[in-house]
Amino acid sequence: MNKSLLALALGGLAIGMTEFTMMGILEDFAKDLAISIPKAGNFISLYAMGVMVGAPTLIMATTRFSPKNVLIFFMLLFVLFNGLFALAPSYNTLLLARFMTGLPHGAFFGVGSVVASQLAKPGKEAQAISMMFAGLTVANLAGVPVGTWIAQTSTWRNSFVLIAALGIITALAIYLWIPAKIQANKSNLKTQLTFFKRWQAWVLIVMISIGTAGLFAWISYISPMMTNVAGIPKENIPIIMVIIGLGMFCGNLIGGKIADSLSPNKAAIISFFMMALCLIVVYFTAHIASIAYIMSFITGLIAFTIGSPIQMMLIQNAKGSETLAAAFGQASFNIGNALGAFLGGIPIALHYGYSSQLWVGILMAGLGGCIAFVFLKKNNPKSS
């Protein structure tokens, strides 16, 4: 991996930790605030709302500036907001700070995706983007387990102090390693907004928002499901997060290769339907601890084959507004985050058990696959 892509991957690591650490520490977080697990899950949805607001707002506000400087600016915002979340003294300030931590997420990946594609060799764009998203998978492989362990041994606030520190390191890496010659998007705001005049934009937004909710219905409640259904000790949850992260790391690389060798659209269809199938298996084996470990790896792998394909689908269908489209990919991904966490929490709140949310995930991932299939047929009728 060249240093430029490594700098982007570091950003993915920091952002992945702030997004996914909450899943690993959910029980500790709820206990500290004296709230229920489903109510704590709202902090996951709140982060996603921040991504949805921040992605278009920050992209449109910075569209004419140097991508390198914009990426540094986004990471400095990331440091500030995560620091505020770590120090927030009351429930209401925690709510506000958690929302703010999500603001730079989509914008960073939107600009980063376009930068990565510019750095890539022809025909290797999806794999270059997958290198940036490798940071997200490393976050689950190493960062989230470390954050979970810190929360269990001290306080969850220290986990977010570490995350803010990673943001500082990322900003420095971008300054040192991203070349200044990377071209700024020359499209004006009016041209960028033409993305929303295309029917493809809205279908892709709906597809990503619904399909990725399957992942988040599963992972948002992974900790209580493992402890209450599989009977895995709470102190083993960091191990589960490592296993999931390893699966995501492998799946991310596989997804990039599939997208470049087949097509991003076909890769998305495969990923969504395989995710639905995987969650069915998880539901019927959730009570068996040994299989729970195995399925954590497999489900993580399948879930993250989707990242590069959906980013490439957006970029390919957004000529002149690639950055805004890529940012909306992350906004849509986090609509899925919000939907999965919120809808998955409903059957749990209704006392159907800590594996009942998996049926929400199965439905959402299956719908995502159906939409991806319809998109392929409508956008390219000759494809099979």
Protein backbone atom coordinates (compact mmCIF):
# COMPACT_ATOMS: atom_id res chain seq x y z
CA MET A 1 0.00 0.00 0.00
CA ASN A 2 1.46 3.39 -0.96
CA LYS A 3 1.65 6.09 1.69
CA SER A 4 -1.20 8.14 0.23
CA LEU A 5 -3.61 5.22 0.51
CA LEU A 6 -2.20 4.43 3.96
CA ALA A 7 -3.10 7.96 5.11
CA LEU A 8 -6.66 7.43 3.88
CA ALA A 9 -6.75 4.03 5.58
CA LEU A 10 -5.71 5.66 8.86
CA GLY A 11 -8.71 7.95 8.48
CA GLY A 12 -10.86 4.88 7.93
CA LEU A 13 -9.42 3.33 11.10
CA ALA A 14 -10.23 6.39 13.22
CA ILE A 15 -13.72 6.80 11.75
CA GLY A 16 -14.41 3.08 12.00
CA MET A 17 -13.51 3.12 15.67
CA THR A 18 -15.81 6.03 16.51
CA GLU A 19 -18.67 4.38 14.63
CA PHE A 20 -18.30 0.73 15.68
CA THR A 21 -16.82 0.99 19.19
CA MET A 22 -20.29 1.92 20.43
CA MET A 23 -21.51 -1.57 19.44
CA GLY A 24 -18.83 -3.24 21.53
CA ILE A 25 -19.33 -1.05 24.61
CA LEU A 26 -23.13 -0.80 24.41
CA GLU A 27 -23.77 -2.65 27.68
CA ASP A 28 -21.11 -0.66 29.60
CA PHE A 29 -22.36 2.61 28.08
CA ALA A 30 -25.98 1.82 29.01
CA LYS A 31 -24.98 0.87 32.56
CA ASP A 32 -22.94 4.05 33.05
CA LEU A 33 -25.84 6.24 31.89
CA ALA A 34 -28.45 4.08 33.67
CA ILE A 35 -30.47 3.58 30.46
CA SER A 36 -31.84 0.52 28.63
CA ILE A 37 -29.96 -1.28 25.84
CA PRO A 38 -32.45 -0.14 23.13
CA LYS A 39 -32.17 3.45 24.39
CA ALA A 40 -28.38 3.22 24.27
CA GLY A 41 -28.79 1.94 20.71
CA ASN A 42 -30.24 5.34 19.84
CA PHE A 43 -26.70 6.74 20.14
CA ILE A 44 -25.81 4.51 17.18
CA SER A 45 -28.69 5.98 15.19
CA LEU A 46 -27.77 9.50 16.28
CA TYR A 47 -24.25 9.09 14.90
CA ALA A 48 -25.77 7.95 11.63
CA MET A 49 -27.94 11.06 11.52
CA GLY A 50 -24.80 13.15 11.90
CA VAL A 51 -23.29 11.40 8.88
CA MET A 52 -26.43 12.06 6.85
CA VAL A 53 -26.36 15.77 7.66
CA GLY A 54 -22.60 16.23 7.44
CA ALA A 55 -21.93 14.41 4.18
CA PRO A 56 -23.76 16.77 1.81
CA THR A 57 -23.26 19.90 3.92
CA LEU A 58 -19.49 19.64 4.28
CA ILE A 59 -18.96 18.46 0.70
CA MET A 60 -20.92 21.37 -0.75
CA ALA A 61 -19.13 23.83 1.54
CA THR A 62 -15.65 22.63 0.52
CA THR A 63 -16.11 21.58 -3.11
CA ARG A 64 -13.70 24.18 -4.55
CA PHE A 65 -10.82 23.63 -2.14
CA SER A 66 -7.79 21.34 -2.37
CA PRO A 67 -8.74 17.72 -1.54
CA LYS A 68 -5.67 17.43 0.69
CA ASN A 69 -6.60 20.50 2.75
CA VAL A 70 -10.23 19.43 2.88
CA LEU A 71 -9.29 15.99 4.25
CA ILE A 72 -7.12 17.60 6.94
CA PHE A 73 -9.98 19.95 7.87
CA PHE A 74 -12.42 17.04 8.18
CA MET A 75 -10.05 15.17 10.48
CA LEU A 76 -9.57 18.21 12.71
CA LEU A 77 -13.35 18.42 13.06
CA PHE A 78 -13.31 14.71 13.87
CA VAL A 79 -10.79 15.29 16.67
CA LEU A 80 -12.77 18.18 18.12
CA PHE A 81 -16.13 16.40 18.13
CA ASN A 82 -14.83 13.10 19.55
CA GLY A 83 -13.02 15.03 22.25
CA LEU A 84 -16.27 16.75 23.14
CA PHE A 85 -18.07 13.40 23.32
CA ALA A 86 -15.41 11.99 25.65
CA LEU A 87 -15.79 14.97 27.98
CA ALA A 88 -19.53 15.71 27.71
CA PRO A 89 -20.86 16.02 31.29
CA SER A 90 -24.59 15.32 30.84
CA TYR A 91 -26.98 13.12 28.87
CA ASN A 92 -28.14 15.97 26.61
CA THR A 93 -24.60 17.13 25.81
CA LEU A 94 -23.68 13.51 25.05
CA LEU A 95 -26.57 13.35 22.57
CA LEU A 96 -25.40 16.53 20.84
CA ALA A 97 -21.74 15.51 20.81
CA ARG A 98 -22.52 12.04 19.44
CA PHE A 99 -24.46 13.63 16.58
CA MET A 100 -21.51 15.93 15.86
CA THR A 101 -19.00 13.05 15.76
CA GLY A 102 -20.83 11.74 12.70
CA LEU A 103 -20.64 14.99 10.71
CA PRO A 104 -17.18 14.49 9.07
CA HIS A 105 -17.64 10.77 8.35
CA GLY A 106 -19.38 10.76 4.99
CA ALA A 107 -17.57 13.85 3.74
CA PHE A 108 -14.17 12.30 4.49
CA PHE A 109 -14.98 9.10 2.62
CA GLY A 110 -16.58 11.03 -0.22
CA VAL A 111 -13.45 13.07 -0.88
CA GLY A 112 -11.23 10.10 -0.01
CA SER A 113 -12.96 7.81 -2.53
CA VAL A 114 -12.36 10.24 -5.37
CA VAL A 115 -8.74 10.79 -4.25
CA ALA A 116 -8.15 7.02 -4.08
CA SER A 117 -9.61 6.51 -7.57
CA GLN A 118 -7.29 9.23 -8.92
CA LEU A 119 -4.30 7.50 -7.35
CA ALA A 120 -5.28 4.09 -8.76
CA LYS A 121 -4.03 2.41 -11.91
CA PRO A 122 -6.67 2.08 -14.67
CA GLY A 123 -9.02 -0.80 -13.92
CA LYS A 124 -7.94 -0.93 -10.27
CA GLU A 125 -10.12 1.87 -8.90
CA ALA A 126 -12.35 -0.36 -6.73
CA GLN A 127 -9.31 -2.05 -5.21
CA ALA A 128 -7.76 1.35 -4.40
CA ILE A 129 -10.98 2.40 -2.69
CA SER A 130 -10.99 -0.91 -0.82
CA MET A 131 -7.55 -0.01 0.53
CA MET A 132 -9.05 3.13 2.09
CA PHE A 133 -11.94 1.12 3.51
CA ALA A 134 -9.41 -1.37 4.87
CA GLY A 135 -9.05 1.13 7.70
CA LEU A 136 -12.68 0.52 8.64
CA THR A 137 -12.05 -3.21 8.75
CA VAL A 138 -8.86 -2.81 10.79
CA ALA A 139 -10.95 -0.73 13.18
CA ASN A 140 -13.14 -3.76 13.75
CA LEU A 141 -10.18 -6.15 13.77
CA ALA A 142 -8.05 -4.26 16.31
CA GLY A 143 -9.42 -0.81 17.18
CA VAL A 144 -12.90 -1.76 18.40
CA PRO A 145 -11.67 -4.68 20.55
CA VAL A 146 -9.12 -2.32 22.14
CA GLY A 147 -11.82 0.31 22.67
CA THR A 148 -14.12 -2.33 24.17
CA TRP A 149 -11.36 -3.56 26.48
CA ILE A 150 -10.59 0.00 27.63
CA ALA A 151 -14.28 0.58 28.38
CA GLN A 152 -14.51 -2.65 30.38
CA THR A 153 -11.33 -2.01 32.39
CA SER A 154 -11.67 1.75 32.97
CA THR A 155 -14.40 3.86 31.34
CA TRP A 156 -15.89 4.18 27.88
CA ARG A 157 -14.79 7.83 27.82
CA ASN A 158 -11.14 6.78 27.58
CA SER A 159 -11.99 4.85 24.41
CA PHE A 160 -13.02 8.09 22.73
CA VAL A 161 -9.94 9.92 23.97
CA LEU A 162 -7.92 7.28 22.09
CA ILE A 163 -10.10 7.81 19.00
CA ALA A 164 -9.51 11.57 19.07
CA ALA A 165 -5.75 10.91 19.30
CA LEU A 166 -5.96 8.71 16.19
CA GLY A 167 -7.62 11.62 14.40
CA ILE A 168 -4.59 13.81 15.14
CA ILE A 169 -2.25 11.13 13.75
CA THR A 170 -4.40 10.85 10.61
CA ALA A 171 -4.37 14.59 9.98
CA LEU A 172 -0.57 14.55 10.22
CA ALA A 173 -0.32 11.57 7.84
CA ILE A 174 -2.52 13.30 5.27
CA TYR A 175 -0.37 16.43 5.51
CA LEU A 176 2.83 14.42 4.97
CA TRP A 177 1.72 11.75 2.48
CA ILE A 178 -1.16 12.97 0.30
CA PRO A 179 0.30 14.76 -2.75
CA ALA A 180 -0.76 18.37 -3.25
CA LYS A 181 -1.13 17.68 -6.99
CA ILE A 182 -4.41 15.80 -6.47
CA GLN A 183 -6.92 17.85 -8.43
CA ALA A 184 -9.81 19.61 -6.79
CA ASN A 185 -13.26 18.92 -8.16
CA LYS A 186 -13.75 21.59 -10.80
CA SER A 187 -17.51 21.17 -10.88
CA ASN A 188 -19.41 24.04 -9.31
CA LEU A 189 -22.15 23.49 -6.77
CA LYS A 190 -24.87 23.56 -9.42
CA THR A 191 -23.12 20.82 -11.40
CA GLN A 192 -22.60 18.72 -8.25
CA LEU A 193 -26.31 18.94 -7.47
CA THR A 194 -27.25 17.49 -10.87
CA PHE A 195 -26.55 14.14 -9.23
CA PHE A 196 -30.01 14.33 -7.70
CA LYS A 197 -31.65 14.80 -11.12
CA ARG A 198 -30.65 11.28 -12.11
CA TRP A 199 -33.00 8.41 -11.30
CA GLN A 200 -29.92 6.28 -10.65
CA ALA A 201 -29.01 8.49 -7.67
CA TRP A 202 -32.26 7.87 -5.84
CA VAL A 203 -32.35 4.15 -6.54
CA LEU A 204 -28.78 3.78 -5.28
CA ILE A 205 -29.51 5.81 -2.14
CA VAL A 206 -32.53 3.62 -1.38
CA MET A 207 -30.61 0.42 -2.19
CA ILE A 208 -27.69 1.27 0.11
CA SER A 209 -29.91 2.60 2.91
CA ILE A 210 -32.10 -0.49 3.00
CA GLY A 211 -29.55 -3.17 2.13
CA THR A 212 -26.85 -2.15 4.61
CA ALA A 213 -29.43 -2.03 7.42
CA GLY A 214 -29.04 -5.81 7.42
CA LEU A 215 -25.48 -5.43 8.69
CA PHE A 216 -26.43 -2.95 11.39
CA ALA A 217 -29.44 -4.86 12.67
CA TRP A 218 -26.93 -7.63 13.39
CA ILE A 219 -23.86 -5.79 14.66
CA SER A 220 -25.63 -3.08 16.68
CA TYR A 221 -26.78 -5.68 19.21
CA ILE A 222 -23.90 -8.12 18.88
CA SER A 223 -22.83 -7.75 22.53
CA PRO A 224 -26.18 -8.55 24.21
CA MET A 225 -26.90 -11.30 21.65
CA MET A 226 -23.60 -13.03 22.38
CA THR A 227 -23.93 -12.79 26.16
CA ASN A 228 -27.66 -13.53 26.47
CA VAL A 229 -28.27 -16.00 23.63
CA ALA A 230 -24.96 -17.73 22.94
CA GLY A 231 -23.95 -17.63 26.61
CA ILE A 232 -20.52 -16.18 25.82
CA PRO A 233 -18.91 -14.39 28.80
CA LYS A 234 -18.95 -10.62 28.62
CA GLU A 235 -15.15 -10.48 28.87
CA ASN A 236 -14.96 -12.44 25.60
CA ILE A 237 -16.81 -9.77 23.61
CA PRO A 238 -13.51 -8.12 22.53
CA ILE A 239 -12.55 -11.51 21.05
CA ILE A 240 -15.83 -11.58 19.13
CA MET A 241 -15.11 -8.09 17.80
CA VAL A 242 -11.63 -9.21 16.67
CA ILE A 243 -13.15 -12.16 14.81
CA ILE A 244 -15.75 -9.91 13.17
CA GLY A 245 -13.04 -7.42 12.25
CA LEU A 246 -10.89 -10.14 10.67
CA GLY A 247 -13.87 -11.20 8.58
CA MET A 248 -14.55 -7.60 7.54
CA PHE A 249 -10.90 -7.08 6.60
CA CYS A 250 -10.96 -10.12 4.30
CA GLY A 251 -14.41 -9.28 2.93
CA ASN A 252 -13.41 -5.74 2.04
CA LEU A 253 -10.49 -6.94 -0.08
CA ILE A 254 -12.62 -9.63 -1.72
CA GLY A 255 -15.36 -7.10 -2.53
CA GLY A 256 -12.89 -4.83 -4.34
CA LYS A 257 -11.58 -7.70 -6.46
CA ILE A 258 -15.09 -8.93 -7.33
CA ALA A 259 -16.19 -5.42 -8.28
CA ASP A 260 -13.21 -4.99 -10.63
CA SER A 261 -13.47 -8.47 -12.16
CA LEU A 262 -17.27 -8.75 -12.59
CA SER A 263 -18.89 -5.36 -12.13
CA PRO A 264 -19.76 -3.27 -9.05
CA ASN A 265 -23.49 -3.88 -9.63
CA LYS A 266 -23.17 -7.67 -9.83
CA ALA A 267 -20.89 -7.65 -6.80
CA ALA A 268 -23.55 -5.72 -4.84
CA ILE A 269 -26.27 -8.23 -5.78
CA ILE A 270 -24.12 -11.14 -4.60
CA SER A 271 -23.17 -9.36 -1.37
CA PHE A 272 -26.69 -8.42 -0.30
CA PHE A 273 -28.24 -11.83 -0.95
CA MET A 274 -25.34 -13.63 0.72
CA MET A 275 -25.78 -11.34 3.74
CA ALA A 276 -29.45 -12.29 4.03
CA LEU A 277 -28.58 -15.99 3.81
CA CYS A 278 -25.83 -15.57 6.38
CA LEU A 279 -28.16 -13.91 8.89
CA ILE A 280 -30.64 -16.78 8.53
CA VAL A 281 -27.88 -19.18 9.54
CA VAL A 282 -26.91 -16.89 12.44
CA TYR A 283 -30.50 -16.85 13.73
CA PHE A 284 -30.86 -20.62 13.83
CA THR A 285 -27.43 -21.20 15.38
CA ALA A 286 -27.23 -18.16 17.69
CA HIS A 287 -27.60 -20.29 20.82
CA ILE A 288 -24.56 -22.45 20.04
CA ALA A 289 -21.44 -20.70 21.32
CA SER A 290 -18.92 -22.52 19.11
CA ILE A 291 -20.88 -21.74 15.94
CA ALA A 292 -21.39 -18.14 17.11
CA TYR A 293 -17.63 -17.61 16.91
CA ILE A 294 -17.46 -19.09 13.41
CA MET A 295 -20.47 -17.16 12.12
CA SER A 296 -19.05 -13.92 13.52
CA PHE A 297 -16.16 -14.27 11.08
CA ILE A 298 -18.29 -15.37 8.13
CA THR A 299 -20.94 -12.68 8.65
CA GLY A 300 -18.30 -9.97 9.01
CA LEU A 301 -16.67 -11.16 5.79
CA ILE A 302 -19.90 -11.20 3.79
CA ALA A 303 -21.08 -7.86 5.21
CA PHE A 304 -18.01 -5.91 4.10
CA THR A 305 -17.83 -7.19 0.55
CA ILE A 306 -20.35 -4.43 -0.17
CA GLY A 307 -18.22 -1.34 0.59
CA SER A 308 -16.19 -0.90 -2.60
CA PRO A 309 -18.94 -2.01 -5.02
CA ILE A 310 -21.46 0.56 -3.81
CA GLN A 311 -18.88 3.38 -3.87
CA MET A 312 -17.95 2.48 -7.45
CA MET A 313 -21.61 2.28 -8.48
CA LEU A 314 -22.13 5.80 -7.19
CA ILE A 315 -19.00 7.21 -8.84
CA GLN A 316 -19.78 5.54 -12.18
CA ASN A 317 -23.31 6.98 -12.21
CA ALA A 318 -22.39 10.53 -11.16
CA LYS A 319 -20.29 12.13 -13.89
CA GLY A 320 -19.37 15.66 -12.79
CA SER A 321 -20.60 15.10 -9.23
CA GLU A 322 -18.49 12.15 -8.13
CA THR A 323 -17.48 13.62 -4.76
CA LEU A 324 -21.02 14.43 -3.68
CA ALA A 325 -22.18 11.01 -4.87
CA ALA A 326 -19.44 9.20 -2.96
CA ALA A 327 -20.27 11.21 0.16
CA PHE A 328 -23.93 10.31 -0.19
CA GLY A 329 -22.85 6.69 -0.38
CA GLN A 330 -21.61 7.04 3.19
CA ALA A 331 -24.69 9.02 4.18
CA SER A 332 -26.85 6.22 2.77
CA PHE A 333 -24.69 3.61 4.53
CA ASN A 334 -25.46 5.41 7.77
CA ILE A 335 -29.15 5.65 7.01
CA GLY A 336 -28.76 1.88 7.00
CA ASN A 337 -26.96 2.21 10.32
CA ALA A 338 -29.84 4.19 11.78
CA LEU A 339 -32.52 1.93 10.30
CA GLY A 340 -30.79 -1.26 11.39
CA ALA A 341 -30.17 -0.05 14.95
CA PHE A 342 -33.65 1.47 15.34
CA LEU A 343 -35.73 -1.25 13.67
CA GLY A 344 -33.58 -3.99 15.18
CA GLY A 345 -34.23 -2.56 18.63
CA ILE A 346 -38.01 -2.77 18.25
CA PRO A 347 -38.42 -6.58 18.56
CA ILE A 348 -35.88 -6.55 21.41
CA ALA A 349 -37.88 -3.84 23.23
CA LEU A 350 -41.01 -5.97 22.68
CA HIS A 351 -39.25 -8.84 24.46
CA TYR A 352 -38.86 -11.16 21.48
CA GLY A 353 -35.27 -11.82 22.51
CA TYR A 354 -31.77 -10.68 21.60
CA SER A 355 -31.72 -12.61 18.33
CA SER A 356 -35.09 -11.34 17.05
CA GLN A 357 -33.41 -8.33 15.40
CA LEU A 358 -31.82 -10.73 12.89
CA TRP A 359 -35.13 -11.06 11.02
CA VAL A 360 -35.06 -7.31 10.48
CA GLY A 361 -31.58 -7.72 9.04
CA ILE A 362 -32.61 -10.62 6.80
CA LEU A 363 -35.50 -8.60 5.35
CA MET A 364 -33.42 -5.46 4.78
CA ALA A 365 -30.46 -7.24 3.17
CA GLY A 366 -32.79 -9.24 0.92
CA LEU A 367 -34.58 -6.07 -0.21
CA GLY A 368 -31.21 -4.47 -0.95
CA GLY A 369 -30.32 -7.41 -3.20
CA CYS A 370 -33.64 -7.14 -5.05
CA ILE A 371 -33.14 -3.41 -5.66
CA ALA A 372 -29.58 -4.02 -6.89
CA PHE A 373 -30.91 -6.62 -9.34
CA VAL A 374 -33.62 -4.27 -10.65
CA PHE A 375 -31.01 -1.50 -11.00
CA LEU A 376 -28.79 -3.78 -13.10
CA LYS A 377 -31.64 -4.65 -15.44
CA LYS A 378 -32.89 -1.08 -15.82
CA ASN A 379 -29.48 0.61 -16.06
CA ASN A 380 -28.00 -1.99 -18.41
CA PRO A 381 -30.75 -4.12 -19.96
CA LYS A 382 -28.23 -6.33 -21.83
CA SER A 383 -26.58 -7.46 -18.55
CA SER A 384 -27.39 -10.88 -17.31
